[in-house]
N, C-alpha and C. Protein backbone atom coordinates (compact mmCIF):
# COMPACT_ATOMS: atom_id res chain seq x y z
N MET A 1 0.85 -1.17 0.00
CA MET A 1 0.00 0.00 0.00
C MET A 1 0.89 1.24 0.00
N ALA A 2 0.61 2.15 -0.88
CA ALA A 2 1.42 3.36 -1.00
C ALA A 2 1.09 4.32 0.14
N ALA A 3 2.11 4.99 0.62
CA ALA A 3 1.91 6.00 1.67
C ALA A 3 1.22 7.21 1.06
N SER A 4 0.37 7.86 1.85
CA SER A 4 -0.30 9.05 1.34
C SER A 4 0.71 10.18 1.20
N ALA A 5 0.41 11.08 0.28
CA ALA A 5 1.31 12.22 0.04
C ALA A 5 1.33 13.11 1.27
N PRO A 6 2.48 13.70 1.57
CA PRO A 6 2.54 14.60 2.72
C PRO A 6 1.62 15.81 2.50
N LEU A 7 1.09 16.29 3.59
CA LEU A 7 0.19 17.44 3.54
C LEU A 7 0.98 18.69 3.17
N ASN A 8 0.43 19.46 2.27
CA ASN A 8 1.02 20.74 1.88
C ASN A 8 1.24 21.57 3.15
N PRO A 9 2.45 22.13 3.37
CA PRO A 9 2.73 22.89 4.60
C PRO A 9 1.74 24.03 4.86
N GLN A 10 1.34 24.72 3.82
CA GLN A 10 0.40 25.83 4.01
C GLN A 10 -0.97 25.29 4.42
N ARG A 11 -1.40 24.19 3.81
CA ARG A 11 -2.68 23.60 4.19
C ARG A 11 -2.64 23.09 5.62
N ALA A 12 -1.51 22.52 6.02
CA ALA A 12 -1.37 22.03 7.39
C ALA A 12 -1.44 23.19 8.37
N ARG A 13 -0.79 24.31 8.05
CA ARG A 13 -0.82 25.49 8.91
C ARG A 13 -2.24 26.03 9.04
N LEU A 14 -2.95 26.10 7.92
CA LEU A 14 -4.33 26.60 7.94
C LEU A 14 -5.25 25.66 8.71
N ALA A 15 -5.04 24.36 8.57
CA ALA A 15 -5.85 23.39 9.32
C ALA A 15 -5.60 23.53 10.82
N ASN A 16 -4.35 23.73 11.21
CA ASN A 16 -4.02 23.93 12.62
C ASN A 16 -4.62 25.23 13.14
N LEU A 17 -4.57 26.27 12.35
CA LEU A 17 -5.15 27.56 12.74
C LEU A 17 -6.66 27.42 12.93
N ARG A 18 -7.32 26.72 12.02
CA ARG A 18 -8.76 26.52 12.13
C ARG A 18 -9.10 25.75 13.41
N ARG A 19 -8.32 24.71 13.73
CA ARG A 19 -8.55 23.96 14.97
C ARG A 19 -8.36 24.84 16.20
N LEU A 20 -7.33 25.69 16.17
CA LEU A 20 -7.08 26.61 17.28
C LEU A 20 -8.25 27.58 17.45
N ARG A 21 -8.73 28.13 16.35
CA ARG A 21 -9.85 29.07 16.41
C ARG A 21 -11.10 28.40 16.96
N GLU A 22 -11.38 27.18 16.51
CA GLU A 22 -12.54 26.45 17.01
C GLU A 22 -12.40 26.18 18.51
N TYR A 23 -11.20 25.85 18.96
CA TYR A 23 -10.96 25.63 20.38
C TYR A 23 -11.21 26.92 21.17
N GLU A 24 -10.66 28.04 20.68
CA GLU A 24 -10.86 29.32 21.35
C GLU A 24 -12.35 29.63 21.47
N LEU A 25 -13.08 29.43 20.40
CA LEU A 25 -14.52 29.70 20.43
C LEU A 25 -15.24 28.80 21.42
N SER A 26 -14.83 27.54 21.51
CA SER A 26 -15.48 26.63 22.46
C SER A 26 -15.25 27.09 23.89
N ARG A 27 -14.15 27.76 24.14
CA ARG A 27 -13.84 28.26 25.48
C ARG A 27 -14.53 29.61 25.77
N VAL A 28 -14.70 30.43 24.75
CA VAL A 28 -15.23 31.79 24.93
C VAL A 28 -16.76 31.84 24.90
N LEU A 29 -17.38 31.09 24.01
CA LEU A 29 -18.83 31.19 23.83
C LEU A 29 -19.63 31.00 25.12
N PRO A 30 -19.28 30.06 25.99
CA PRO A 30 -20.06 29.93 27.23
C PRO A 30 -20.02 31.20 28.10
N HIS A 31 -18.97 31.98 28.00
CA HIS A 31 -18.85 33.20 28.80
C HIS A 31 -19.62 34.37 28.19
N LEU A 32 -20.06 34.20 26.96
CA LEU A 32 -20.79 35.27 26.27
C LEU A 32 -22.30 35.09 26.34
N ALA A 33 -22.75 34.08 27.05
CA ALA A 33 -24.19 33.85 27.18
C ALA A 33 -24.86 35.10 27.73
N GLY A 34 -25.90 35.54 27.07
CA GLY A 34 -26.61 36.74 27.51
C GLY A 34 -26.00 38.03 27.00
N CYS A 35 -24.88 37.96 26.35
CA CYS A 35 -24.22 39.15 25.80
C CYS A 35 -24.67 39.27 24.35
N GLY A 36 -25.44 40.29 24.05
CA GLY A 36 -25.97 40.43 22.70
C GLY A 36 -24.99 40.96 21.68
N ARG A 37 -24.09 41.86 22.13
CA ARG A 37 -23.19 42.52 21.19
C ARG A 37 -21.75 42.15 21.48
N VAL A 38 -21.01 41.91 20.39
CA VAL A 38 -19.60 41.53 20.50
C VAL A 38 -18.79 42.37 19.52
N LEU A 39 -17.67 42.90 19.99
CA LEU A 39 -16.73 43.62 19.14
C LEU A 39 -15.51 42.75 18.94
N GLU A 40 -15.18 42.47 17.69
CA GLU A 40 -13.96 41.71 17.40
C GLU A 40 -12.97 42.62 16.70
N LEU A 41 -11.87 42.90 17.36
CA LEU A 41 -10.78 43.68 16.76
C LEU A 41 -9.74 42.70 16.22
N GLY A 42 -9.20 43.01 15.06
CA GLY A 42 -8.26 42.09 14.43
C GLY A 42 -9.02 40.90 13.88
N ALA A 43 -10.13 41.17 13.21
CA ALA A 43 -11.05 40.12 12.78
C ALA A 43 -10.54 39.28 11.61
N GLY A 44 -9.55 39.76 10.90
CA GLY A 44 -9.02 38.98 9.77
C GLY A 44 -10.10 38.69 8.75
N THR A 45 -10.32 37.41 8.47
CA THR A 45 -11.32 37.02 7.47
C THR A 45 -12.74 37.03 8.01
N GLY A 46 -12.87 37.19 9.32
CA GLY A 46 -14.18 37.16 9.93
C GLY A 46 -14.61 35.77 10.37
N PHE A 47 -13.67 34.83 10.45
CA PHE A 47 -13.95 33.45 10.83
C PHE A 47 -14.67 33.39 12.18
N GLU A 48 -14.07 34.00 13.21
CA GLU A 48 -14.67 33.98 14.54
C GLU A 48 -15.95 34.80 14.57
N ALA A 49 -15.96 35.93 13.87
CA ALA A 49 -17.15 36.78 13.83
C ALA A 49 -18.34 36.01 13.27
N ARG A 50 -18.11 35.22 12.23
CA ARG A 50 -19.19 34.41 11.64
C ARG A 50 -19.72 33.43 12.68
N ARG A 51 -18.85 32.75 13.40
CA ARG A 51 -19.29 31.77 14.40
C ARG A 51 -20.04 32.46 15.54
N LEU A 52 -19.56 33.64 15.94
CA LEU A 52 -20.25 34.39 17.00
C LEU A 52 -21.64 34.82 16.54
N ALA A 53 -21.73 35.28 15.29
CA ALA A 53 -23.04 35.67 14.74
C ALA A 53 -23.96 34.45 14.64
N ASP A 54 -23.41 33.32 14.23
CA ASP A 54 -24.21 32.09 14.14
C ASP A 54 -24.72 31.67 15.52
N ALA A 55 -23.99 32.05 16.58
CA ALA A 55 -24.40 31.73 17.95
C ALA A 55 -25.42 32.74 18.49
N GLY A 56 -25.82 33.72 17.65
CA GLY A 56 -26.87 34.66 18.04
C GLY A 56 -26.40 36.02 18.49
N HIS A 57 -25.13 36.31 18.37
CA HIS A 57 -24.61 37.61 18.79
C HIS A 57 -24.64 38.61 17.64
N GLU A 58 -24.80 39.87 18.01
CA GLU A 58 -24.64 40.97 17.05
C GLU A 58 -23.15 41.28 17.06
N VAL A 59 -22.49 41.13 15.92
CA VAL A 59 -21.04 41.24 15.87
C VAL A 59 -20.61 42.41 15.00
N VAL A 60 -19.69 43.22 15.52
CA VAL A 60 -19.00 44.23 14.74
C VAL A 60 -17.56 43.74 14.62
N ALA A 61 -17.13 43.49 13.39
CA ALA A 61 -15.78 42.97 13.15
C ALA A 61 -14.95 44.04 12.46
N LEU A 62 -13.78 44.35 13.05
CA LEU A 62 -12.89 45.39 12.52
C LEU A 62 -11.49 44.84 12.33
N ASP A 63 -10.80 45.35 11.32
CA ASP A 63 -9.41 45.00 11.09
C ASP A 63 -8.75 46.14 10.33
N ILE A 64 -7.46 46.34 10.59
CA ILE A 64 -6.76 47.41 9.86
C ILE A 64 -6.58 47.04 8.40
N SER A 65 -6.67 45.77 8.09
CA SER A 65 -6.53 45.30 6.72
C SER A 65 -7.63 44.30 6.41
N PRO A 66 -8.82 44.78 5.99
CA PRO A 66 -9.91 43.86 5.69
C PRO A 66 -9.51 42.81 4.66
N PRO A 67 -10.13 41.62 4.72
CA PRO A 67 -9.73 40.53 3.83
C PRO A 67 -10.14 40.76 2.39
N LEU A 68 -9.52 40.02 1.51
CA LEU A 68 -9.95 40.02 0.12
C LEU A 68 -11.34 39.40 0.07
N PRO A 69 -12.19 39.86 -0.85
CA PRO A 69 -13.56 39.33 -0.90
C PRO A 69 -13.62 37.80 -0.98
N ALA A 70 -12.69 37.17 -1.68
CA ALA A 70 -12.70 35.71 -1.81
C ALA A 70 -12.41 35.01 -0.49
N GLU A 71 -11.75 35.68 0.44
CA GLU A 71 -11.38 35.09 1.73
C GLU A 71 -12.36 35.45 2.84
N GLN A 72 -13.21 36.43 2.61
CA GLN A 72 -14.06 36.97 3.65
C GLN A 72 -15.18 36.00 4.04
N GLU A 73 -15.29 35.74 5.35
CA GLU A 73 -16.34 34.87 5.87
C GLU A 73 -17.45 35.67 6.56
N TYR A 74 -17.18 36.93 6.88
CA TYR A 74 -18.12 37.79 7.57
C TYR A 74 -17.72 39.22 7.23
N PRO A 75 -18.68 40.15 7.16
CA PRO A 75 -18.31 41.54 6.86
C PRO A 75 -17.33 42.11 7.89
N VAL A 76 -16.18 42.53 7.41
CA VAL A 76 -15.14 43.11 8.27
C VAL A 76 -14.91 44.54 7.80
N ALA A 77 -15.13 45.49 8.70
CA ALA A 77 -14.94 46.90 8.37
C ALA A 77 -13.48 47.30 8.61
N LYS A 78 -13.04 48.28 7.87
CA LYS A 78 -11.68 48.79 8.04
C LYS A 78 -11.59 49.58 9.34
N PHE A 79 -10.56 49.30 10.12
CA PHE A 79 -10.30 49.97 11.39
C PHE A 79 -9.11 50.88 11.19
N ASP A 80 -9.27 52.16 11.51
CA ASP A 80 -8.19 53.13 11.30
C ASP A 80 -7.21 53.19 12.47
N GLY A 81 -7.43 52.38 13.48
CA GLY A 81 -6.53 52.38 14.63
C GLY A 81 -6.92 53.40 15.70
N ARG A 82 -7.94 54.17 15.44
CA ARG A 82 -8.35 55.21 16.39
C ARG A 82 -9.82 55.16 16.74
N HIS A 83 -10.66 55.06 15.74
CA HIS A 83 -12.09 55.18 15.93
C HIS A 83 -12.75 53.81 15.83
N VAL A 84 -13.42 53.43 16.90
CA VAL A 84 -14.11 52.15 16.92
C VAL A 84 -15.60 52.41 16.71
N ALA A 85 -16.14 51.84 15.64
CA ALA A 85 -17.55 52.02 15.32
C ALA A 85 -18.39 51.03 16.13
N PHE A 86 -18.40 51.23 17.44
CA PHE A 86 -19.12 50.35 18.36
C PHE A 86 -19.58 51.19 19.53
N PRO A 87 -20.79 51.75 19.42
CA PRO A 87 -21.26 52.66 20.47
C PRO A 87 -21.40 51.97 21.82
N ASP A 88 -21.16 52.72 22.89
CA ASP A 88 -21.35 52.23 24.25
C ASP A 88 -22.81 51.93 24.48
N GLY A 89 -23.05 51.04 25.43
CA GLY A 89 -24.42 50.82 25.86
C GLY A 89 -24.97 49.51 25.53
């Protein structure tokens, strides 16, 4: 039986990152029960923001470098490093 081809290093890194993100969410979501609004700074592609929204939260996702449309999983607004579009209250 032939051995399977080694996993592409970039794919392996992305798979590990996805597992880490899922683990983080499993640890954080129970603490957000009853919290309607969530601000995610450094949202990247919006991976976590999408999961938070799927869990019923209103999410504002910001990043200094919003993702390319092909990579975007959730709307991520550009963050200028100063002004956070997330009103108090």
